[in-house]
């Protein structure tokens, strides 16, 4: 029985790319030429949304000495639920189910200002 050769990915020849100095010097690919002006005029992305959770609800669910990682996961879960609700409000089709995170109503986790913002968002329709 003979020995097997090296894995296939080791035998493949490396393709030259446009960014490779040994590739095609002085030549810009057409796709890159079209994209560069768009990147120069692109608007900066909006800041990441911040969400302040109710500290009493956090202590009741996670305990008085909670792990920051657990708090981060909780914050992302609540933020995802809020974003889903915002999308439903914007589309004018709100699901009638009760929204809970870790067994608590969504409103229990939110700051009253955030609840008011969501209500105002729904009032604009």
PDB file of N, CA and C in Angstrom:
ATOM      1  N   UNK A   1       0.847  -1.170   0.000  1.00  0.00           N
ATOM      2  CA  UNK A   1       0.000   0.000   0.000  1.00  0.00           C
ATOM      3  C   UNK A   1       0.895   1.237   0.000  1.00  0.00           C
ATOM      4  N   UNK A   2       0.642   2.195  -0.883  1.00  0.00           N
ATOM      5  CA  UNK A   2       1.462   3.388  -0.992  1.00  0.00           C
ATOM      6  C   UNK A   2       1.068   4.451   0.026  1.00  0.00           C
ATOM      7  N   UNK A   3       1.906   5.454   0.149  1.00  0.00           N
ATOM      8  CA  UNK A   3       1.601   6.538   1.076  1.00  0.00           C
ATOM      9  C   UNK A   3       0.762   7.583   0.365  1.00  0.00           C
ATOM     10  N   UNK A   4      -0.015   8.254   1.135  1.00  0.00           N
ATOM     11  CA  UNK A   4      -0.856   9.314   0.576  1.00  0.00           C
ATOM     12  C   UNK A   4      -0.022  10.570   0.415  1.00  0.00           C
ATOM     13  N   UNK A   5      -0.354  11.370  -0.560  1.00  0.00           N
ATOM     14  CA  UNK A   5       0.334  12.625  -0.779  1.00  0.00           C
ATOM     15  C   UNK A   5      -0.113  13.685   0.211  1.00  0.00           C
ATOM     16  N   UNK A   6       0.423  14.892   0.097  1.00  0.00           N
ATOM     17  CA  UNK A   6       0.032  15.968   1.003  1.00  0.00           C
ATOM     18  C   UNK A   6      -1.426  16.353   0.768  1.00  0.00           C
ATOM     19  N   UNK A   7      -2.060  16.985   1.767  1.00  0.00           N
ATOM     20  CA  UNK A   7      -3.449  17.422   1.589  1.00  0.00           C
ATOM     21  C   UNK A   7      -3.582  18.331   0.375  1.00  0.00           C
ATOM     22  N   UNK A   8      -4.770  18.314  -0.201  1.00  0.00           N
ATOM     23  CA  UNK A   8      -5.026  19.063  -1.427  1.00  0.00           C
ATOM     24  C   UNK A   8      -4.709  20.540  -1.291  1.00  0.00           C
ATOM     25  N   UNK A   9      -5.087  21.136  -0.131  1.00  0.00           N
ATOM     26  CA  UNK A   9      -4.893  22.579   0.008  1.00  0.00           C
ATOM     27  C   UNK A   9      -3.416  22.951   0.018  1.00  0.00           C
ATOM     28  N   UNK A  10      -2.523  22.005   0.341  1.00  0.00           N
ATOM     29  CA  UNK A  10      -1.092  22.305   0.310  1.00  0.00           C
ATOM     30  C   UNK A  10      -0.524  22.227  -1.097  1.00  0.00           C
ATOM     31  N   UNK A  11      -1.206  21.541  -1.991  1.00  0.00           N
ATOM     32  CA  UNK A  11      -0.696  21.393  -3.348  1.00  0.00           C
ATOM     33  C   UNK A  11      -1.219  22.464  -4.285  1.00  0.00           C
ATOM     34  N   UNK A  12      -2.203  23.226  -3.852  1.00  0.00           N
ATOM     35  CA  UNK A  12      -2.777  24.264  -4.712  1.00  0.00           C
ATOM     36  C   UNK A  12      -1.772  25.391  -4.897  1.00  0.00           C
ATOM     37  N   UNK A  13      -1.723  25.924  -6.081  1.00  0.00           N
ATOM     38  CA  UNK A  13      -0.844  27.070  -6.321  1.00  0.00           C
ATOM     39  C   UNK A  13      -1.533  28.333  -5.820  1.00  0.00           C
ATOM     40  N   UNK A  14      -0.738  29.224  -5.284  1.00  0.00           N
ATOM     41  CA  UNK A  14      -1.276  30.480  -4.782  1.00  0.00           C
ATOM     42  C   UNK A  14      -1.606  31.389  -5.959  1.00  0.00           C
ATOM     43  N   UNK A  15      -2.829  31.902  -5.942  1.00  0.00           N
ATOM     44  CA  UNK A  15      -3.241  32.820  -6.999  1.00  0.00           C
ATOM     45  C   UNK A  15      -2.702  34.201  -6.692  1.00  0.00           C
ATOM     46  N   UNK A  16      -2.319  34.896  -7.710  1.00  0.00           N
ATOM     47  CA  UNK A  16      -1.847  36.261  -7.524  1.00  0.00           C
ATOM     48  C   UNK A  16      -3.047  37.180  -7.349  1.00  0.00           C
ATOM     49  N   UNK A  17      -2.918  38.123  -6.452  1.00  0.00           N
ATOM     50  CA  UNK A  17      -3.999  39.076  -6.259  1.00  0.00           C
ATOM     51  C   UNK A  17      -3.532  40.459  -6.673  1.00  0.00           C
ATOM     52  N   UNK A  18      -4.469  41.370  -6.807  1.00  0.00           N
ATOM     53  CA  UNK A  18      -4.125  42.732  -7.190  1.00  0.00           C
ATOM     54  C   UNK A  18      -3.366  43.435  -6.082  1.00  0.00           C
ATOM     55  N   UNK A  19      -3.591  43.027  -4.836  1.00  0.00           N
ATOM     56  CA  UNK A  19      -2.898  43.675  -3.728  1.00  0.00           C
ATOM     57  C   UNK A  19      -1.526  43.074  -3.480  1.00  0.00           C
ATOM     58  N   UNK A  20      -1.215  41.998  -4.153  1.00  0.00           N
ATOM     59  CA  UNK A  20       0.070  41.328  -3.987  1.00  0.00           C
ATOM     60  C   UNK A  20       1.138  42.151  -4.708  1.00  0.00           C
ATOM     61  N   UNK A  21       2.207  42.530  -3.996  1.00  0.00           N
ATOM     62  CA  UNK A  21       3.247  43.321  -4.666  1.00  0.00           C
ATOM     63  C   UNK A  21       3.845  42.605  -5.875  1.00  0.00           C
ATOM     64  N   UNK A  22       3.857  41.296  -5.852  1.00  0.00           N
ATOM     65  CA  UNK A  22       4.393  40.551  -6.986  1.00  0.00           C
ATOM     66  C   UNK A  22       3.350  40.293  -8.041  1.00  0.00           C
ATOM     67  N   UNK A  23       2.133  40.768  -7.814  1.00  0.00           N
ATOM     68  CA  UNK A  23       1.014  40.506  -8.709  1.00  0.00           C
ATOM     69  C   UNK A  23       1.048  41.367  -9.950  1.00  0.00           C
ATOM     70  N   UNK A  24       0.234  42.369  -9.969  1.00  0.00           N
ATOM     71  CA  UNK A  24       0.101  43.224 -11.135  1.00  0.00           C
ATOM     72  C   UNK A  24       0.415  44.657 -10.710  1.00  0.00           C
ATOM     73  N   UNK A  25       1.668  45.039 -10.697  1.00  0.00           N
ATOM     74  CA  UNK A  25       2.030  46.366 -10.183  1.00  0.00           C
ATOM     75  C   UNK A  25       1.431  47.501 -11.007  1.00  0.00           C
ATOM     76  N   UNK A  26       0.935  48.513 -10.294  1.00  0.00           N
ATOM     77  CA  UNK A  26       0.415  49.704 -10.939  1.00  0.00           C
ATOM     78  C   UNK A  26      -0.976  49.543 -11.516  1.00  0.00           C
ATOM     79  N   UNK A  27      -1.565  48.409 -11.403  1.00  0.00           N
ATOM     80  CA  UNK A  27      -2.891  48.182 -11.977  1.00  0.00           C
ATOM     81  C   UNK A  27      -3.919  48.059 -10.852  1.00  0.00           C
ATOM     82  N   UNK A  28      -4.972  48.834 -10.954  1.00  0.00           N
ATOM     83  CA  UNK A  28      -6.055  48.774  -9.975  1.00  0.00           C
ATOM     84  C   UNK A  28      -7.211  48.030 -10.625  1.00  0.00           C
ATOM     85  N   UNK A  29      -7.724  47.006  -9.959  1.00  0.00           N
ATOM     86  CA  UNK A  29      -8.838  46.277 -10.558  1.00  0.00           C
ATOM     87  C   UNK A  29     -10.052  47.184 -10.720  1.00  0.00           C
ATOM     88  N   UNK A  30     -10.873  46.968 -11.742  1.00  0.00           N
ATOM     89  CA  UNK A  30     -12.017  47.856 -11.985  1.00  0.00           C
ATOM     90  C   UNK A  30     -12.994  47.900 -10.815  1.00  0.00           C
ATOM     91  N   UNK A  31     -13.208  46.777 -10.140  1.00  0.00           N
ATOM     92  CA  UNK A  31     -14.137  46.776  -9.012  1.00  0.00           C
ATOM     93  C   UNK A  31     -13.612  47.673  -7.889  1.00  0.00           C
ATOM     94  N   UNK A  32     -12.322  47.635  -7.660  1.00  0.00           N
ATOM     95  CA  UNK A  32     -11.733  48.438  -6.594  1.00  0.00           C
ATOM     96  C   UNK A  32     -11.807  49.921  -6.956  1.00  0.00           C
ATOM     97  N   UNK A  33     -11.618  50.233  -8.215  1.00  0.00           N
ATOM     98  CA  UNK A  33     -11.687  51.623  -8.653  1.00  0.00           C
ATOM     99  C   UNK A  33     -13.094  52.193  -8.445  1.00  0.00           C
ATOM    100  N   UNK A  34     -14.123  51.374  -8.586  1.00  0.00           N
ATOM    101  CA  UNK A  34     -15.490  51.833  -8.381  1.00  0.00           C
ATOM    102  C   UNK A  34     -15.822  51.997  -6.909  1.00  0.00           C
ATOM    103  N   UNK A  35     -15.223  51.173  -6.079  1.00  0.00           N
ATOM    104  CA  UNK A  35     -15.549  51.166  -4.654  1.00  0.00           C
ATOM    105  C   UNK A  35     -14.816  52.271  -3.890  1.00  0.00           C
ATOM    106  N   UNK A  36     -13.606  52.595  -4.279  1.00  0.00           N
ATOM    107  CA  UNK A  36     -12.819  53.586  -3.539  1.00  0.00           C
ATOM    108  C   UNK A  36     -13.514  54.935  -3.397  1.00  0.00           C
ATOM    109  N   UNK A  37     -14.124  55.517  -4.460  1.00  0.00           N
ATOM    110  CA  UNK A  37     -14.839  56.785  -4.268  1.00  0.00           C
ATOM    111  C   UNK A  37     -16.035  56.651  -3.320  1.00  0.00           C
ATOM    112  N   UNK A  38     -16.700  55.514  -3.348  1.00  0.00           N
ATOM    113  CA  UNK A  38     -17.831  55.309  -2.446  1.00  0.00           C
ATOM    114  C   UNK A  38     -17.378  55.286  -0.991  1.00  0.00           C
ATOM    115  N   UNK A  39     -16.235  54.682  -0.756  1.00  0.00           N
ATOM    116  CA  UNK A  39     -15.712  54.637   0.609  1.00  0.00           C
ATOM    117  C   UNK A  39     -15.279  56.018   1.096  1.00  0.00           C
ATOM    118  N   UNK A  40     -14.783  56.829   0.184  1.00  0.00           N
ATOM    119  CA  UNK A  40     -14.336  58.166   0.561  1.00  0.00           C
ATOM    120  C   UNK A  40     -15.511  59.051   0.962  1.00  0.00           C
ATOM    121  N   UNK A  41     -16.688  58.829   0.361  1.00  0.00           N
ATOM    122  CA  UNK A  41     -17.851  59.664   0.659  1.00  0.00           C
ATOM    123  C   UNK A  41     -18.811  59.008   1.645  1.00  0.00           C
ATOM    124  N   UNK A  42     -18.477  57.834   2.131  1.00  0.00           N
ATOM    125  CA  UNK A  42     -19.376  57.107   3.031  1.00  0.00           C
ATOM    126  C   UNK A  42     -19.534  57.856   4.354  1.00  0.00           C
ATOM    127  N   UNK A  43     -20.746  57.826   4.855  1.00  0.00           N
ATOM    128  CA  UNK A  43     -21.040  58.446   6.144  1.00  0.00           C
ATOM    129  C   UNK A  43     -20.601  57.497   7.255  1.00  0.00           C
ATOM    130  N   UNK A  44     -20.113  58.046   8.354  1.00  0.00           N
ATOM    131  CA  UNK A  44     -19.738  57.164   9.462  1.00  0.00           C
ATOM    132  C   UNK A  44     -20.973  56.455  10.009  1.00  0.00           C
ATOM    133  N   UNK A  45     -20.760  55.254  10.494  1.00  0.00           N
ATOM    134  CA  UNK A  45     -21.893  54.501  11.032  1.00  0.00           C
ATOM    135  C   UNK A  45     -22.356  55.129  12.340  1.00  0.00           C
ATOM    136  N   UNK A  46     -23.638  55.010  12.642  1.00  0.00           N
ATOM    137  CA  UNK A  46     -24.140  55.603  13.884  1.00  0.00           C
ATOM    138  C   UNK A  46     -23.531  54.886  15.090  1.00  0.00           C
ATOM    139  N   UNK A  47     -23.469  55.567  16.220  1.00  0.00           N
ATOM    140  CA  UNK A  47     -22.894  54.923  17.398  1.00  0.00           C
ATOM    141  C   UNK A  47     -23.745  53.728  17.824  1.00  0.00           C
ATOM    142  N   UNK A  48     -23.096  52.795  18.467  1.00  0.00           N
ATOM    143  CA  UNK A  48     -23.814  51.609  18.938  1.00  0.00           C
ATOM    144  C   UNK A  48     -24.873  52.032  19.948  1.00  0.00           C
ATOM    145  N   UNK A  49     -26.051  51.419  19.875  1.00  0.00           N
ATOM    146  CA  UNK A  49     -27.108  51.811  20.801  1.00  0.00           C
ATOM    147  C   UNK A  49     -26.739  51.463  22.236  1.00  0.00           C
ATOM    148  N   UNK A  50     -27.092  52.351  23.131  1.00  0.00           N
ATOM    149  CA  UNK A  50     -26.846  52.088  24.544  1.00  0.00           C
ATOM    150  C   UNK A  50     -28.181  51.802  25.205  1.00  0.00           C
ATOM    151  N   UNK A  51     -28.134  51.002  26.210  1.00  0.00           N
ATOM    152  CA  UNK A  51     -29.346  50.612  26.892  1.00  0.00           C
ATOM    153  C   UNK A  51     -29.033  50.504  28.377  1.00  0.00           C
ATOM    154  N   UNK A  52     -29.764  51.256  29.170  1.00  0.00           N
ATOM    155  CA  UNK A  52     -29.597  51.203  30.610  1.00  0.00           C
ATOM    156  C   UNK A  52     -30.669  50.285  31.177  1.00  0.00           C
ATOM    157  N   UNK A  53     -30.223  49.225  31.827  1.00  0.00           N
ATOM    158  CA  UNK A  53     -31.163  48.284  32.429  1.00  0.00           C
ATOM    159  C   UNK A  53     -31.521  48.742  33.835  1.00  0.00           C
ATOM    160  N   UNK A  54     -32.687  48.361  34.274  1.00  0.00           N
ATOM    161  CA  UNK A  54     -33.132  48.681  35.618  1.00  0.00           C
ATOM    162  C   UNK A  54     -32.258  47.917  36.619  1.00  0.00           C
ATOM    163  N   UNK A  55     -31.530  48.613  37.478  1.00  0.00           N
ATOM    164  CA  UNK A  55     -30.606  47.930  38.394  1.00  0.00           C
ATOM    165  C   UNK A  55     -31.307  47.006  39.387  1.00  0.00           C
ATOM    166  N   UNK A  56     -32.530  47.337  39.769  1.00  0.00           N
ATOM    167  CA  UNK A  56     -33.256  46.482  40.719  1.00  0.00           C
ATOM    168  C   UNK A  56     -33.593  45.144  40.050  1.00  0.00           C
ATOM    169  N   UNK A  57     -34.067  45.191  38.816  1.00  0.00           N
ATOM    170  CA  UNK A  57     -34.390  43.955  38.094  1.00  0.00           C
ATOM    171  C   UNK A  57     -33.133  43.120  37.860  1.00  0.00           C
ATOM    172  N   UNK A  58     -32.022  43.784  37.570  1.00  0.00           N
ATOM    173  CA  UNK A  58     -30.760  43.063  37.349  1.00  0.00           C
ATOM    174  C   UNK A  58     -30.352  42.333  38.627  1.00  0.00           C
ATOM    175  N   UNK A  59     -30.408  43.025  39.762  1.00  0.00           N
ATOM    176  CA  UNK A  59     -30.022  42.399  41.038  1.00  0.00           C
ATOM    177  C   UNK A  59     -30.959  41.257  41.416  1.00  0.00           C
ATOM    178  N   UNK A  60     -32.251  41.424  41.145  1.00  0.00           N
ATOM    179  CA  UNK A  60     -33.208  40.378  41.486  1.00  0.00           C
ATOM    180  C   UNK A  60     -32.986  39.112  40.668  1.00  0.00           C
ATOM    181  N   UNK A  61     -32.597  39.254  39.404  1.00  0.00           N
ATOM    182  CA  UNK A  61     -32.432  38.089  38.543  1.00  0.00           C
ATOM    183  C   UNK A  61     -31.017  37.529  38.597  1.00  0.00           C
ATOM    184  N   UNK A  62     -30.016  38.392  38.527  1.00  0.00           N
ATOM    185  CA  UNK A  62     -28.626  37.917  38.481  1.00  0.00           C
ATOM    186  C   UNK A  62     -27.969  37.817  39.861  1.00  0.00           C
ATOM    187  N   UNK A  63     -28.593  38.400  40.865  1.00  0.00           N
ATOM    188  CA  UNK A  63     -28.007  38.379  42.198  1.00  0.00           C
ATOM    189  C   UNK A  63     -27.185  39.630  42.444  1.00  0.00           C
ATOM    190  N   UNK A  64     -26.808  39.863  43.715  1.00  0.00           N
ATOM    191  CA  UNK A  64     -26.092  41.097  44.039  1.00  0.00           C
ATOM    192  C   UNK A  64     -24.659  41.137  43.492  1.00  0.00           C
ATOM    193  N   UNK A  65     -24.044  39.985  43.318  1.00  0.00           N
ATOM    194  CA  UNK A  65     -22.659  39.936  42.818  1.00  0.00           C
ATOM    195  C   UNK A  65     -22.643  39.197  41.486  1.00  0.00           C
ATOM    196  N   UNK A  66     -23.166  39.854  40.457  1.00  0.00           N
ATOM    197  CA  UNK A  66     -23.298  39.213  39.158  1.00  0.00           C
ATOM    198  C   UNK A  66     -22.020  39.357  38.348  1.00  0.00           C
ATOM    199  N   UNK A  67     -21.864  38.470  37.400  1.00  0.00           N
ATOM    200  CA  UNK A  67     -20.727  38.469  36.484  1.00  0.00           C
ATOM    201  C   UNK A  67     -21.008  39.466  35.360  1.00  0.00           C
ATOM    202  N   UNK A  68     -20.013  40.230  34.968  1.00  0.00           N
ATOM    203  CA  UNK A  68     -20.178  41.228  33.902  1.00  0.00           C
ATOM    204  C   UNK A  68     -20.534  40.560  32.576  1.00  0.00           C
ATOM    205  N   UNK A  69     -20.053  39.353  32.367  1.00  0.00           N
ATOM    206  CA  UNK A  69     -20.382  38.621  31.142  1.00  0.00           C
ATOM    207  C   UNK A  69     -21.885  38.311  31.096  1.00  0.00           C
ATOM    208  N   UNK A  70     -22.433  37.879  32.228  1.00  0.00           N
ATOM    209  CA  UNK A  70     -23.869  37.609  32.291  1.00  0.00           C
ATOM    210  C   UNK A  70     -24.682  38.876  32.051  1.00  0.00           C
ATOM    211  N   UNK A  71     -24.203  39.991  32.596  1.00  0.00           N
ATOM    212  CA  UNK A  71     -24.883  41.268  32.380  1.00  0.00           C
ATOM    213  C   UNK A  71     -24.844  41.656  30.899  1.00  0.00           C
ATOM    214  N   UNK A  72     -23.718  41.416  30.245  1.00  0.00           N
ATOM    215  CA  UNK A  72     -23.608  41.717  28.819  1.00  0.00           C
ATOM    216  C   UNK A  72     -24.566  40.896  27.978  1.00  0.00           C
ATOM    217  N   UNK A  73     -24.691  39.610  28.306  1.00  0.00           N
ATOM    218  CA  UNK A  73     -25.623  38.747  27.586  1.00  0.00           C
ATOM    219  C   UNK A  73     -27.058  39.229  27.799  1.00  0.00           C
ATOM    220  N   UNK A  74     -27.368  39.578  29.048  1.00  0.00           N
ATOM    221  CA  UNK A  74     -28.709  40.082  29.358  1.00  0.00           C
ATOM    222  C   UNK A  74     -28.993  41.369  28.588  1.00  0.00           C
ATOM    223  N   UNK A  75     -28.022  42.272  28.556  1.00  0.00           N
ATOM    224  CA  UNK A  75     -28.197  43.536  27.844  1.00  0.00           C
ATOM    225  C   UNK A  75     -28.441  43.292  26.354  1.00  0.00           C
ATOM    226  N   UNK A  76     -27.714  42.347  25.762  1.00  0.00           N
ATOM    227  CA  UNK A  76     -27.920  42.043  24.344  1.00  0.00           C
ATOM    228  C   UNK A  76     -29.290  41.426  24.098  1.00  0.00           C
ATOM    229  N   UNK A  77     -29.740  40.567  25.010  1.00  0.00           N
ATOM    230  CA  UNK A  77     -31.072  39.967  24.859  1.00  0.00           C
ATOM    231  C   UNK A  77     -32.162  41.037  24.906  1.00  0.00           C
ATOM    232  N   UNK A  78     -32.041  41.959  25.853  1.00  0.00           N
ATOM    233  CA  UNK A  78     -33.042  43.028  25.975  1.00  0.00           C
ATOM    234  C   UNK A  78     -32.967  43.954  24.765  1.00  0.00           C
ATOM    235  N   UNK A  79     -31.754  44.280  24.332  1.00  0.00           N
ATOM    236  CA  UNK A  79     -31.576  45.152  23.175  1.00  0.00           C
ATOM    237  C   UNK A  79     -32.165  44.520  21.912  1.00  0.00           C
ATOM    238  N   UNK A  80     -31.989  43.213  21.746  1.00  0.00           N
ATOM    239  CA  UNK A  80     -32.568  42.526  20.589  1.00  0.00           C
ATOM    240  C   UNK A  80     -34.093  42.575  20.635  1.00  0.00           C
ATOM    241  N   UNK A  81     -34.656  42.403  21.815  1.00  0.00           N
ATOM    242  CA  UNK A  81     -36.111  42.448  21.957  1.00  0.00           C
ATOM    243  C   UNK A  81     -36.634  43.861  21.670  1.00  0.00           C
ATOM    244  N   UNK A  82     -35.929  44.883  22.141  1.00  0.00           N
ATOM    245  CA  UNK A  82     -36.331  46.268  21.889  1.00  0.00           C
ATOM    246  C   UNK A  82     -36.242  46.569  20.396  1.00  0.00           C
ATOM    247  N   UNK A  83     -35.183  46.121  19.751  1.00  0.00           N
ATOM    248  CA  UNK A  83     -35.025  46.379  18.316  1.00  0.00           C
ATOM    249  C   UNK A  83     -36.136  45.694  17.513  1.00  0.00           C
ATOM    250  N   UNK A  84     -36.482  44.469  17.902  1.00  0.00           N
ATOM    251  CA  UNK A  84     -37.570  43.764  17.233  1.00  0.00           C
ATOM    252  C   UNK A  84     -38.878  44.538  17.378  1.00  0.00           C
ATOM    253  N   UNK A  85     -39.121  45.072  18.572  1.00  0.00           N
ATOM    254  CA  UNK A  85     -40.336  45.856  18.809  1.00  0.00           C
ATOM    255  C   UNK A  85     -40.321  47.142  17.980  1.00  0.00           C
ATOM    256  N   UNK A  86     -39.162  47.794  17.864  1.00  0.00           N
ATOM    257  CA  UNK A  86     -39.046  49.000  17.039  1.00  0.00           C
ATOM    258  C   UNK A  86     -39.382  48.699  15.577  1.00  0.00           C
ATOM    259  N   UNK A  87     -38.888  47.580  15.076  1.00  0.00           N
ATOM    260  CA  UNK A  87     -39.164  47.201  13.685  1.00  0.00           C
ATOM    261  C   UNK A  87     -40.656  46.956  13.486  1.00  0.00           C
ATOM    262  N   UNK A  88     -41.279  46.281  14.447  1.00  0.00           N
ATOM    263  CA  UNK A  88     -42.708  46.024  14.348  1.00  0.00           C
ATOM    264  C   UNK A  88     -43.501  47.330  14.382  1.00  0.00           C
ATOM    265  N   UNK A  89     -43.090  48.266  15.225  1.00  0.00           N
ATOM    266  CA  UNK A  89     -43.774  49.560  15.297  1.00  0.00           C
ATOM    267  C   UNK A  89     -43.621  50.311  13.980  1.00  0.00           C
ATOM    268  N   UNK A  90     -42.405  50.316  13.421  1.00  0.00           N
ATOM    269  CA  UNK A  90     -42.163  51.016  12.163  1.00  0.00           C
ATOM    270  C   UNK A  90     -42.973  50.415  11.016  1.00  0.00           C
ATOM    271  N   UNK A  91     -43.144  49.095  11.030  1.00  0.00           N
ATOM    272  CA  UNK A  91     -43.902  48.432   9.972  1.00  0.00           C
ATOM    273  C   UNK A  91     -45.404  48.487  10.195  1.00  0.00           C
ATOM    274  N   UNK A  92     -45.813  48.879  11.391  1.00  0.00           N
ATOM    275  CA  UNK A  92     -47.234  48.982  11.687  1.00  0.00           C
ATOM    276  C   UNK A  92     -47.901  47.653  11.996  1.00  0.00           C
ATOM    277  N   UNK A  93     -47.121  46.620  12.200  1.00  0.00           N
ATOM    278  CA  UNK A  93     -47.658  45.294  12.511  1.00  0.00           C
ATOM    279  C   UNK A  93     -46.977  44.813  13.788  1.00  0.00           C
ATOM    280  N   UNK A  94     -47.663  44.969  14.899  1.00  0.00           N
ATOM    281  CA  UNK A  94     -47.082  44.619  16.188  1.00  0.00           C
ATOM    282  C   UNK A  94     -47.637  43.275  16.639  1.00  0.00           C
ATOM    283  N   UNK A  95     -46.740  42.360  16.928  1.00  0.00           N
ATOM    284  CA  UNK A  95     -47.127  41.040  17.417  1.00  0.00           C
ATOM    285  C   UNK A  95     -47.738  41.192  18.807  1.00  0.00           C
ATOM    286  N   UNK A  96     -48.797  40.486  19.065  1.00  0.00           N
ATOM    287  CA  UNK A  96     -49.530  40.646  20.323  1.00  0.00           C
ATOM    288  C   UNK A  96     -48.979  39.799  21.459  1.00  0.00           C
ATOM    289  N   UNK A  97     -47.909  39.051  21.220  1.00  0.00           N
ATOM    290  CA  UNK A  97     -47.373  38.204  22.281  1.00  0.00           C
ATOM    291  C   UNK A  97     -46.725  39.033  23.381  1.00  0.00           C
ATOM    292  N   UNK A  98     -46.662  38.452  24.557  1.00  0.00           N
ATOM    293  CA  UNK A  98     -46.019  39.114  25.688  1.00  0.00           C
ATOM    294  C   UNK A  98     -44.509  38.914  25.545  1.00  0.00           C
ATOM    295  N   UNK A  99     -43.775  39.994  25.629  1.00  0.00           N
ATOM    296  CA  UNK A  99     -42.323  39.925  25.473  1.00  0.00           C
ATOM    297  C   UNK A  99     -41.660  39.797  26.835  1.00  0.00           C
ATOM    298  N   UNK A 100     -40.920  38.709  27.001  1.00  0.00           N
ATOM    299  CA  UNK A 100     -40.213  38.488  28.255  1.00  0.00           C
ATOM    300  C   UNK A 100     -38.754  38.179  27.981  1.00  0.00           C
ATOM    301  N   UNK A 101     -37.914  38.560  28.923  1.00  0.00           N
ATOM    302  CA  UNK A 101     -36.493  38.216  28.902  1.00  0.00           C
ATOM    303  C   UNK A 101     -36.177  37.636  30.270  1.00  0.00           C
ATOM    304  N   UNK A 102     -35.683  36.410  30.286  1.00  0.00           N
ATOM    305  CA  UNK A 102     -35.400  35.676  31.528  1.00  0.00           C
ATOM    306  C   UNK A 102     -36.608  35.654  32.456  1.00  0.00           C
ATOM    307  N   UNK A 103     -37.780  35.489  31.867  1.00  0.00           N
ATOM    308  CA  UNK A 103     -38.997  35.348  32.649  1.00  0.00           C
ATOM    309  C   UNK A 103     -39.605  36.636  33.165  1.00  0.00           C
ATOM    310  N   UNK A 104     -39.004  37.763  32.844  1.00  0.00           N
ATOM    311  CA  UNK A 104     -39.551  39.056  33.283  1.00  0.00           C
ATOM    312  C   UNK A 104     -40.044  39.829  32.067  1.00  0.00           C
ATOM    313  N   UNK A 105     -41.083  40.597  32.278  1.00  0.00           N
ATOM    314  CA  UNK A 105     -41.601  41.435  31.195  1.00  0.00           C
ATOM    315  C   UNK A 105     -40.529  42.401  30.709  1.00  0.00           C
ATOM    316  N   UNK A 106     -40.586  42.709  29.429  1.00  0.00           N
ATOM    317  CA  UNK A 106     -39.601  43.619  28.834  1.00  0.00           C
ATOM    318  C   UNK A 106     -39.598  44.960  29.554  1.00  0.00           C
ATOM    319  N   UNK A 107     -40.760  45.469  29.911  1.00  0.00           N
ATOM    320  CA  UNK A 107     -40.839  46.779  30.581  1.00  0.00           C
ATOM    321  C   UNK A 107     -40.141  46.777  31.935  1.00  0.00           C
ATOM    322  N   UNK A 108     -40.024  45.603  32.586  1.00  0.00           N
ATOM    323  CA  UNK A 108     -39.336  45.528  33.874  1.00  0.00           C
ATOM    324  C   UNK A 108     -37.844  45.815  33.734  1.00  0.00           C
ATOM    325  N   UNK A 109     -37.277  45.492  32.578  1.00  0.00           N
ATOM    326  CA  UNK A 109     -35.845  45.695  32.361  1.00  0.00           C
ATOM    327  C   UNK A 109     -35.516  47.123  31.931  1.00  0.00           C
ATOM    328  N   UNK A 110     -36.492  47.803  31.351  1.00  0.00           N
ATOM    329  CA  UNK A 110     -36.210  49.084  30.704  1.00  0.00           C
ATOM    330  C   UNK A 110     -36.345  50.265  31.647  1.00  0.00           C
ATOM    331  N   UNK A 111     -35.558  51.273  31.344  1.00  0.00           N
ATOM    332  CA  UNK A 111     -35.632  52.567  31.990  1.00  0.00           C
ATOM    333  C   UNK A 111     -36.957  53.219  31.564  1.00  0.00           C
ATOM    334  N   UNK A 112     -37.631  53.954  32.438  1.00  0.00           N
ATOM    335  CA  UNK A 112     -38.897  54.603  32.032  1.00  0.00           C
ATOM    336  C   UNK A 112     -38.751  55.503  30.808  1.00  0.00           C
ATOM    337  N   UNK A 113     -37.588  56.140  30.633  1.00  0.00           N
ATOM    338  CA  UNK A 113     -37.373  56.979  29.450  1.00  0.00           C
ATOM    339  C   UNK A 113     -37.395  56.149  28.167  1.00  0.00           C
ATOM    340  N   UNK A 114     -36.863  54.934  28.236  1.00  0.00           N
ATOM    341  CA  UNK A 114     -36.860  54.057  27.060  1.00  0.00           C
ATOM    342  C   UNK A 114     -38.277  53.600  26.723  1.00  0.00           C
ATOM    343  N   UNK A 115     -39.071  53.298  27.740  1.00  0.00           N
ATOM    344  CA  UNK A 115     -40.476  52.921  27.514  1.00  0.00           C
ATOM    345  C   UNK A 115     -41.221  54.093  26.880  1.00  0.00           C
ATOM    346  N   UNK A 116     -40.975  55.307  27.372  1.00  0.00           N
ATOM    347  CA  UNK A 116     -41.619  56.495  26.810  1.00  0.00           C
ATOM    348  C   UNK A 116     -41.199  56.706  25.354  1.00  0.00           C
ATOM    349  N   UNK A 117     -39.942  56.469  25.041  1.00  0.00           N
ATOM    350  CA  UNK A 117     -39.459  56.610  23.663  1.00  0.00           C
ATOM    351  C   UNK A 117     -40.183  55.633  22.741  1.00  0.00           C
ATOM    352  N   UNK A 118     -40.353  54.392  23.197  1.00  0.00           N
ATOM    353  CA  UNK A 118     -41.054  53.403  22.386  1.00  0.00           C
ATOM    354  C   UNK A 118     -42.520  53.788  22.182  1.00  0.00           C
ATOM    355  N   UNK A 119     -43.142  54.322  23.211  1.00  0.00           N
ATOM    356  CA  UNK A 119     -44.541  54.762  23.092  1.00  0.00           C
ATOM    357  C   UNK A 119     -44.670  55.926  22.109  1.00  0.00           C
ATOM    358  N   UNK A 120     -43.716  56.873  22.177  1.00  0.00           N
ATOM    359  CA  UNK A 120     -43.747  57.992  21.234  1.00  0.00           C
ATOM    360  C   UNK A 120     -43.525  57.493  19.801  1.00  0.00           C
ATOM    361  N   UNK A 121     -42.657  56.510  19.647  1.00  0.00           N
ATOM    362  CA  UNK A 121     -42.396  55.944  18.314  1.00  0.00           C
ATOM    363  C   UNK A 121     -43.665  55.338  17.741  1.00  0.00           C
ATOM    364  N   UNK A 122     -44.443  54.672  18.590  1.00  0.00           N
ATOM    365  CA  UNK A 122     -45.705  54.085  18.154  1.00  0.00           C
ATOM    366  C   UNK A 122     -46.764  55.145  17.887  1.00  0.00           C
ATOM    367  N   UNK A 123     -46.707  56.284  18.569  1.00  0.00           N
ATOM    368  CA  UNK A 123     -47.678  57.348  18.373  1.00  0.00           C
ATOM    369  C   UNK A 123     -47.508  58.096  17.089  1.00  0.00           C
ATOM    370  N   UNK A 124     -46.316  58.004  16.451  1.00  0.00           N
ATOM    371  CA  UNK A 124     -46.062  58.712  15.215  1.00  0.00           C
ATOM    372  C   UNK A 124     -46.782  58.077  14.027  1.00  0.00           C
ATOM    373  N   UNK A 125     -47.213  56.857  14.148  1.00  0.00           N
ATOM    374  CA  UNK A 125     -47.858  56.158  13.027  1.00  0.00           C
ATOM    375  C   UNK A 125     -49.250  56.618  12.827  1.00  0.00           C
TER     376      UNK A 125
END
